Amino acid sequence: MAVVIEPAAGPLASPFKNREAREAERSVKREAVLVAAVRMFNERGFHATSLDDVAASLGVSKPTIYHYLGTKDQVLLECVTRGLSQLREAADTARAQDGSGLDRLRAFLCRYAEINMADFGKCVIRTGDEMLSEASAGQFRALKRQIDEAMRALIHEAVAEGSVVAEDVRLTAFTLAGALNWPARWYRESGTFDAAQTAGQMVAILLNGLLPR
């Protein structure tokens, strides 16, 4: 006589992922695509990089890039938006700190320089408006204006309390940003100093000057 074994009672474990797990997996994959794209844009240049190149670096198909990020223009806009968001967050964090206006300005400038030595900050500095579609370029310019305004606000506050002297806040902001944008092009991780050390020394030079005290 055959013996029939009944399945154990209890809920059946589903082999399918729930919505939360699917969204988490999508987020991880989207981030991988975005990082691969920004590094390739920085290394090769936007025009010399195709979405096929990005897809090949990840071992996926071009439609996968479209699925997670969209067209090449949308990918670049996402990259620079990420970098500018990091800069905006740095400004907000600095303004919330205790200390003098100079302390807050210094904290922002150091973080500003560090971000410009990392993937998404580099992309912001290396991207010209002409690389983007008209609509995307407009968004790019608007986001950059926010960072410029945030830097000027920190300078204004420091000047108002007397911890910084700046005859022209606009020119001061342009000078600081201009100097701290360039590490995006020349900084190498294999150098003598890491990003934080490089940023700190550059900001010290800009804020303290070169004249002996």
C-alpha atoms as a PDB file:
ATOM      1  CA  MET A   1       0.000   0.000   0.000  1.00  0.00           C
ATOM      2  CA  ALA A   2       1.427   3.388  -1.050  1.00  0.00           C
ATOM      3  CA  VAL A   3       2.164   5.914   1.633  1.00  0.00           C
ATOM      4  CA  VAL A   4       1.051   9.486   0.872  1.00  0.00           C
ATOM      5  CA  ILE A   5       3.014  12.232   2.632  1.00  0.00           C
ATOM      6  CA  GLU A   6       0.968  15.347   3.165  1.00  0.00           C
ATOM      7  CA  PRO A   7       2.771  18.715   2.880  1.00  0.00           C
ATOM      8  CA  ALA A   8       3.500  20.406   6.166  1.00  0.00           C
ATOM      9  CA  ALA A   9       0.907  22.890   7.251  1.00  0.00           C
ATOM     10  CA  GLY A  10       1.765  26.573   7.222  1.00  0.00           C
ATOM     11  CA  PRO A  11       2.159  29.459   4.755  1.00  0.00           C
ATOM     12  CA  LEU A  12       3.975  28.783   1.482  1.00  0.00           C
ATOM     13  CA  ALA A  13       7.085  30.905   1.011  1.00  0.00           C
ATOM     14  CA  SER A  14       6.662  32.884  -2.228  1.00  0.00           C
ATOM     15  CA  PRO A  15       9.557  32.759  -4.694  1.00  0.00           C
ATOM     16  CA  PHE A  16       8.458  36.173  -5.991  1.00  0.00           C
ATOM     17  CA  LYS A  17       9.787  39.448  -4.607  1.00  0.00           C
ATOM     18  CA  ASN A  18       7.400  41.857  -2.981  1.00  0.00           C
ATOM     19  CA  ARG A  19       7.029  45.437  -4.129  1.00  0.00           C
ATOM     20  CA  GLU A  20       9.539  46.790  -1.619  1.00  0.00           C
ATOM     21  CA  ALA A  21      12.196  44.285  -2.669  1.00  0.00           C
ATOM     22  CA  ARG A  22      11.584  45.013  -6.367  1.00  0.00           C
ATOM     23  CA  GLU A  23      11.913  48.749  -5.798  1.00  0.00           C
ATOM     24  CA  ALA A  24      15.122  48.271  -3.809  1.00  0.00           C
ATOM     25  CA  GLU A  25      16.594  46.102  -6.571  1.00  0.00           C
ATOM     26  CA  ARG A  26      15.602  48.656  -9.199  1.00  0.00           C
ATOM     27  CA  SER A  27      17.238  51.436  -7.188  1.00  0.00           C
ATOM     28  CA  VAL A  28      20.508  49.479  -6.926  1.00  0.00           C
ATOM     29  CA  LYS A  29      20.540  48.734 -10.653  1.00  0.00           C
ATOM     30  CA  ARG A  30      19.677  52.315 -11.581  1.00  0.00           C
ATOM     31  CA  GLU A  31      22.504  53.602  -9.396  1.00  0.00           C
ATOM     32  CA  ALA A  32      24.951  51.180 -11.036  1.00  0.00           C
ATOM     33  CA  VAL A  33      23.933  52.430 -14.479  1.00  0.00           C
ATOM     34  CA  LEU A  34      24.245  56.070 -13.393  1.00  0.00           C
ATOM     35  CA  VAL A  35      27.715  55.613 -11.878  1.00  0.00           C
ATOM     36  CA  ALA A  36      28.936  53.728 -14.950  1.00  0.00           C
ATOM     37  CA  ALA A  37      27.649  56.518 -17.182  1.00  0.00           C
ATOM     38  CA  VAL A  38      29.117  59.416 -15.202  1.00  0.00           C
ATOM     39  CA  ARG A  39      32.534  57.769 -14.972  1.00  0.00           C
ATOM     40  CA  MET A  40      32.583  57.131 -18.687  1.00  0.00           C
ATOM     41  CA  PHE A  41      31.453  60.693 -19.469  1.00  0.00           C
ATOM     42  CA  ASN A  42      34.247  62.020 -17.248  1.00  0.00           C
ATOM     43  CA  GLU A  43      36.889  59.744 -18.711  1.00  0.00           C
ATOM     44  CA  ARG A  44      36.022  59.830 -22.410  1.00  0.00           C
ATOM     45  CA  GLY A  45      33.885  62.928 -22.747  1.00  0.00           C
ATOM     46  CA  PHE A  46      30.141  63.072 -23.341  1.00  0.00           C
ATOM     47  CA  HIS A  47      30.236  63.133 -27.145  1.00  0.00           C
ATOM     48  CA  ALA A  48      32.766  60.299 -27.323  1.00  0.00           C
ATOM     49  CA  THR A  49      30.618  58.063 -25.112  1.00  0.00           C
ATOM     50  CA  SER A  50      27.587  56.181 -26.385  1.00  0.00           C
ATOM     51  CA  LEU A  51      24.898  54.441 -24.384  1.00  0.00           C
ATOM     52  CA  ASP A  52      26.120  51.248 -26.050  1.00  0.00           C
ATOM     53  CA  ASP A  53      29.485  51.858 -24.332  1.00  0.00           C
ATOM     54  CA  VAL A  54      27.795  52.319 -20.964  1.00  0.00           C
ATOM     55  CA  ALA A  55      25.686  49.204 -21.463  1.00  0.00           C
ATOM     56  CA  ALA A  56      28.711  47.144 -22.520  1.00  0.00           C
ATOM     57  CA  SER A  57      30.649  48.199 -19.409  1.00  0.00           C
ATOM     58  CA  LEU A  58      27.889  46.660 -17.291  1.00  0.00           C
ATOM     59  CA  GLY A  59      27.281  43.633 -19.472  1.00  0.00           C
ATOM     60  CA  VAL A  60      23.718  44.685 -20.269  1.00  0.00           C
ATOM     61  CA  SER A  61      21.842  45.801 -23.373  1.00  0.00           C
ATOM     62  CA  LYS A  62      21.230  49.386 -24.492  1.00  0.00           C
ATOM     63  CA  PRO A  63      17.470  49.092 -23.811  1.00  0.00           C
ATOM     64  CA  THR A  64      18.397  48.476 -20.160  1.00  0.00           C
ATOM     65  CA  ILE A  65      19.922  51.963 -20.009  1.00  0.00           C
ATOM     66  CA  TYR A  66      16.752  53.430 -21.515  1.00  0.00           C
ATOM     67  CA  HIS A  67      14.674  51.487 -19.006  1.00  0.00           C
ATOM     68  CA  TYR A  68      16.476  52.867 -15.971  1.00  0.00           C
ATOM     69  CA  LEU A  69      17.533  56.351 -17.071  1.00  0.00           C
ATOM     70  CA  GLY A  70      16.198  57.243 -20.516  1.00  0.00           C
ATOM     71  CA  THR A  71      17.989  58.908 -23.418  1.00  0.00           C
ATOM     72  CA  LYS A  72      21.617  60.033 -23.403  1.00  0.00           C
ATOM     73  CA  ASP A  73      20.497  63.612 -22.741  1.00  0.00           C
ATOM     74  CA  GLN A  74      18.416  62.435 -19.782  1.00  0.00           C
ATOM     75  CA  VAL A  75      21.335  60.411 -18.438  1.00  0.00           C
ATOM     76  CA  LEU A  76      23.653  63.443 -18.540  1.00  0.00           C
ATOM     77  CA  LEU A  77      21.012  65.663 -16.944  1.00  0.00           C
ATOM     78  CA  GLU A  78      20.598  63.113 -14.148  1.00  0.00           C
ATOM     79  CA  CYS A  79      24.371  63.051 -13.595  1.00  0.00           C
ATOM     80  CA  VAL A  80      24.753  66.827 -13.311  1.00  0.00           C
ATOM     81  CA  THR A  81      21.585  67.102 -11.230  1.00  0.00           C
ATOM     82  CA  ARG A  82      23.075  64.624  -8.756  1.00  0.00           C
ATOM     83  CA  GLY A  83      26.278  66.659  -8.520  1.00  0.00           C
ATOM     84  CA  LEU A  84      24.452  69.954  -8.071  1.00  0.00           C
ATOM     85  CA  SER A  85      22.182  68.402  -5.455  1.00  0.00           C
ATOM     86  CA  GLN A  86      25.278  67.375  -3.507  1.00  0.00           C
ATOM     87  CA  LEU A  87      26.552  70.959  -3.674  1.00  0.00           C
ATOM     88  CA  ARG A  88      23.179  72.319  -2.559  1.00  0.00           C
ATOM     89  CA  GLU A  89      23.121  69.905   0.363  1.00  0.00           C
ATOM     90  CA  ALA A  90      26.642  71.012   1.297  1.00  0.00           C
ATOM     91  CA  ALA A  91      25.505  74.639   1.402  1.00  0.00           C
ATOM     92  CA  ASP A  92      22.454  73.814   3.531  1.00  0.00           C
ATOM     93  CA  THR A  93      24.570  71.766   5.929  1.00  0.00           C
ATOM     94  CA  ALA A  94      27.144  74.554   6.280  1.00  0.00           C
ATOM     95  CA  ARG A  95      24.505  77.201   6.962  1.00  0.00           C
ATOM     96  CA  ALA A  96      23.050  75.071   9.758  1.00  0.00           C
ATOM     97  CA  GLN A  97      26.399  74.792  11.548  1.00  0.00           C
ATOM     98  CA  ASP A  98      27.386  76.728  14.650  1.00  0.00           C
ATOM     99  CA  GLY A  99      30.301  79.120  14.640  1.00  0.00           C
ATOM    100  CA  SER A 100      31.111  82.282  12.740  1.00  0.00           C
ATOM    101  CA  GLY A 101      30.153  83.150   9.202  1.00  0.00           C
ATOM    102  CA  LEU A 102      33.740  82.431   8.224  1.00  0.00           C
ATOM    103  CA  ASP A 103      33.495  78.971   9.787  1.00  0.00           C
ATOM    104  CA  ARG A 104      30.355  78.198   7.786  1.00  0.00           C
ATOM    105  CA  LEU A 105      31.831  79.567   4.574  1.00  0.00           C
ATOM    106  CA  ARG A 106      35.010  77.537   5.063  1.00  0.00           C
ATOM    107  CA  ALA A 107      33.013  74.361   5.711  1.00  0.00           C
ATOM    108  CA  PHE A 108      31.024  74.872   2.524  1.00  0.00           C
ATOM    109  CA  LEU A 109      34.050  75.664   0.395  1.00  0.00           C
ATOM    110  CA  CYS A 110      35.920  72.574   1.584  1.00  0.00           C
ATOM    111  CA  ARG A 111      32.951  70.358   0.813  1.00  0.00           C
ATOM    112  CA  TYR A 112      32.414  72.166  -2.495  1.00  0.00           C
ATOM    113  CA  ALA A 113      35.951  71.348  -3.596  1.00  0.00           C
ATOM    114  CA  GLU A 114      35.671  67.734  -2.436  1.00  0.00           C
ATOM    115  CA  ILE A 115      32.475  67.193  -4.400  1.00  0.00           C
ATOM    116  CA  ASN A 116      34.126  68.596  -7.517  1.00  0.00           C
ATOM    117  CA  MET A 117      36.844  65.970  -7.184  1.00  0.00           C
ATOM    118  CA  ALA A 118      34.266  63.141  -7.116  1.00  0.00           C
ATOM    119  CA  ASP A 119      32.283  61.566  -9.961  1.00  0.00           C
ATOM    120  CA  PHE A 120      29.157  63.708 -10.130  1.00  0.00           C
ATOM    121  CA  GLY A 121      30.845  66.981  -9.230  1.00  0.00           C
ATOM    122  CA  LYS A 122      33.412  66.405 -11.969  1.00  0.00           C
ATOM    123  CA  CYS A 123      30.581  65.900 -14.418  1.00  0.00           C
ATOM    124  CA  VAL A 124      29.017  69.237 -13.452  1.00  0.00           C
ATOM    125  CA  ILE A 125      32.254  71.102 -14.134  1.00  0.00           C
ATOM    126  CA  ARG A 126      33.046  69.233 -17.348  1.00  0.00           C
ATOM    127  CA  THR A 127      29.573  69.677 -18.832  1.00  0.00           C
ATOM    128  CA  GLY A 128      28.840  72.691 -21.011  1.00  0.00           C
ATOM    129  CA  ASP A 129      25.309  73.892 -21.691  1.00  0.00           C
ATOM    130  CA  GLU A 130      25.749  73.032 -25.367  1.00  0.00           C
ATOM    131  CA  MET A 131      26.017  69.330 -24.531  1.00  0.00           C
ATOM    132  CA  LEU A 132      22.413  69.231 -23.373  1.00  0.00           C
ATOM    133  CA  SER A 133      19.119  69.736 -25.157  1.00  0.00           C
ATOM    134  CA  GLU A 134      17.579  73.192 -24.845  1.00  0.00           C
ATOM    135  CA  ALA A 135      15.134  72.086 -22.152  1.00  0.00           C
ATOM    136  CA  SER A 136      17.779  70.205 -20.156  1.00  0.00           C
ATOM    137  CA  ALA A 137      20.264  73.074 -20.488  1.00  0.00           C
ATOM    138  CA  GLY A 138      17.684  75.409 -18.972  1.00  0.00           C
ATOM    139  CA  GLN A 139      17.300  73.126 -15.959  1.00  0.00           C
ATOM    140  CA  PHE A 140      21.083  72.848 -15.678  1.00  0.00           C
ATOM    141  CA  ARG A 141      21.544  76.631 -15.630  1.00  0.00           C
ATOM    142  CA  ALA A 142      18.774  77.067 -13.059  1.00  0.00           C
ATOM    143  CA  LEU A 143      20.399  74.542 -10.712  1.00  0.00           C
ATOM    144  CA  LYS A 144      23.815  76.163 -11.115  1.00  0.00           C
ATOM    145  CA  ARG A 145      22.310  79.541 -10.244  1.00  0.00           C
ATOM    146  CA  GLN A 146      21.062  78.054  -6.977  1.00  0.00           C
ATOM    147  CA  ILE A 147      24.604  77.058  -6.033  1.00  0.00           C
ATOM    148  CA  ASP A 148      25.962  80.485  -6.952  1.00  0.00           C
ATOM    149  CA  GLU A 149      23.248  82.146  -4.855  1.00  0.00           C
ATOM    150  CA  ALA A 150      23.977  79.818  -1.923  1.00  0.00           C
ATOM    151  CA  MET A 151      27.678  80.678  -2.016  1.00  0.00           C
ATOM    152  CA  ARG A 152      26.931  84.398  -2.191  1.00  0.00           C
ATOM    153  CA  ALA A 153      24.536  84.116   0.752  1.00  0.00           C
ATOM    154  CA  LEU A 154      27.252  82.529   2.892  1.00  0.00           C
ATOM    155  CA  ILE A 155      29.694  85.272   1.906  1.00  0.00           C
ATOM    156  CA  HIS A 156      27.094  87.981   2.632  1.00  0.00           C
ATOM    157  CA  GLU A 157      26.455  86.558   6.101  1.00  0.00           C
ATOM    158  CA  ALA A 158      30.156  86.400   6.909  1.00  0.00           C
ATOM    159  CA  VAL A 159      30.682  89.963   5.688  1.00  0.00           C
ATOM    160  CA  ALA A 160      27.662  91.249   7.642  1.00  0.00           C
ATOM    161  CA  GLU A 161      29.014  89.882  10.936  1.00  0.00           C
ATOM    162  CA  GLY A 162      32.547  91.078  10.196  1.00  0.00           C
ATOM    163  CA  SER A 163      34.347  87.725  10.035  1.00  0.00           C
ATOM    164  CA  VAL A 164      35.095  88.209   6.321  1.00  0.00           C
ATOM    165  CA  VAL A 165      36.023  91.276   4.280  1.00  0.00           C
ATOM    166  CA  ALA A 166      34.838  91.284   0.669  1.00  0.00           C
ATOM    167  CA  GLU A 167      34.355  94.488  -1.296  1.00  0.00           C
ATOM    168  CA  ASP A 168      32.342  92.754  -4.026  1.00  0.00           C
ATOM    169  CA  VAL A 169      30.472  89.602  -3.009  1.00  0.00           C
ATOM    170  CA  ARG A 170      29.685  88.640  -6.608  1.00  0.00           C
ATOM    171  CA  LEU A 171      33.333  88.852  -7.680  1.00  0.00           C
ATOM    172  CA  THR A 172      34.414  87.021  -4.535  1.00  0.00           C
ATOM    173  CA  ALA A 173      31.986  84.169  -5.270  1.00  0.00           C
ATOM    174  CA  PHE A 174      33.171  83.912  -8.868  1.00  0.00           C
ATOM    175  CA  THR A 175      36.808  83.855  -7.748  1.00  0.00           C
ATOM    176  CA  LEU A 176      36.246  81.159  -5.122  1.00  0.00           C
ATOM    177  CA  ALA A 177      34.108  79.005  -7.412  1.00  0.00           C
ATOM    178  CA  GLY A 178      36.516  79.407 -10.308  1.00  0.00           C
ATOM    179  CA  ALA A 179      39.460  78.230  -8.235  1.00  0.00           C
ATOM    180  CA  LEU A 180      37.583  75.341  -6.619  1.00  0.00           C
ATOM    181  CA  ASN A 181      36.041  74.123  -9.865  1.00  0.00           C
ATOM    182  CA  TRP A 182      39.357  73.259 -11.457  1.00  0.00           C
ATOM    183  CA  PRO A 183      40.290  70.268  -9.290  1.00  0.00           C
ATOM    184  CA  ALA A 184      37.569  68.534 -11.317  1.00  0.00           C
ATOM    185  CA  ARG A 185      40.087  68.519 -14.156  1.00  0.00           C
ATOM    186  CA  TRP A 186      43.470  68.103 -12.521  1.00  0.00           C
ATOM    187  CA  TYR A 187      42.949  66.178  -9.270  1.00  0.00           C
ATOM    188  CA  ARG A 188      44.137  62.564  -9.249  1.00  0.00           C
ATOM    189  CA  GLU A 189      43.497  60.115  -6.418  1.00  0.00           C
ATOM    190  CA  SER A 190      47.040  58.809  -6.817  1.00  0.00           C
ATOM    191  CA  GLY A 191      48.488  62.186  -5.817  1.00  0.00           C
ATOM    192  CA  THR A 192      50.196  63.165  -2.567  1.00  0.00           C
ATOM    193  CA  PHE A 193      47.014  64.346  -0.841  1.00  0.00           C
ATOM    194  CA  ASP A 194      43.523  62.878  -0.733  1.00  0.00           C
ATOM    195  CA  ALA A 195      40.474  64.924  -1.748  1.00  0.00           C
ATOM    196  CA  ALA A 196      39.757  66.266   1.743  1.00  0.00           C
ATOM    197  CA  GLN A 197      43.378  67.332   2.291  1.00  0.00           C
ATOM    198  CA  THR A 198      43.555  68.951  -1.137  1.00  0.00           C
ATOM    199  CA  ALA A 199      40.301  70.823  -0.535  1.00  0.00           C
ATOM    200  CA  GLY A 200      41.439  72.014   2.879  1.00  0.00           C
ATOM    201  CA  GLN A 201      44.734  73.360   1.597  1.00  0.00           C
ATOM    202  CA  MET A 202      43.127  75.105  -1.373  1.00  0.00           C
ATOM    203  CA  VAL A 203      40.512  76.775   0.814  1.00  0.00           C
ATOM    204  CA  ALA A 204      43.193  77.869   3.277  1.00  0.00           C
ATOM    205  CA  ILE A 205      45.123  79.539   0.446  1.00  0.00           C
ATOM    206  CA  LEU A 206      41.997  81.287  -0.831  1.00  0.00           C
ATOM    207  CA  LEU A 207      40.802  82.491   2.562  1.00  0.00           C
ATOM    208  CA  ASN A 208      44.167  83.347   4.112  1.00  0.00           C
ATOM    209  CA  GLY A 209      45.961  84.709   1.072  1.00  0.00           C
ATOM    210  CA  LEU A 210      49.662  84.488   0.353  1.00  0.00           C
ATOM    211  CA  LEU A 211      50.940  87.590   2.103  1.00  0.00           C
ATOM    212  CA  PRO A 212      52.965  87.025   5.298  1.00  0.00           C
ATOM    213  CA  ARG A 213      51.195  88.006   8.522  1.00  0.00           C
END
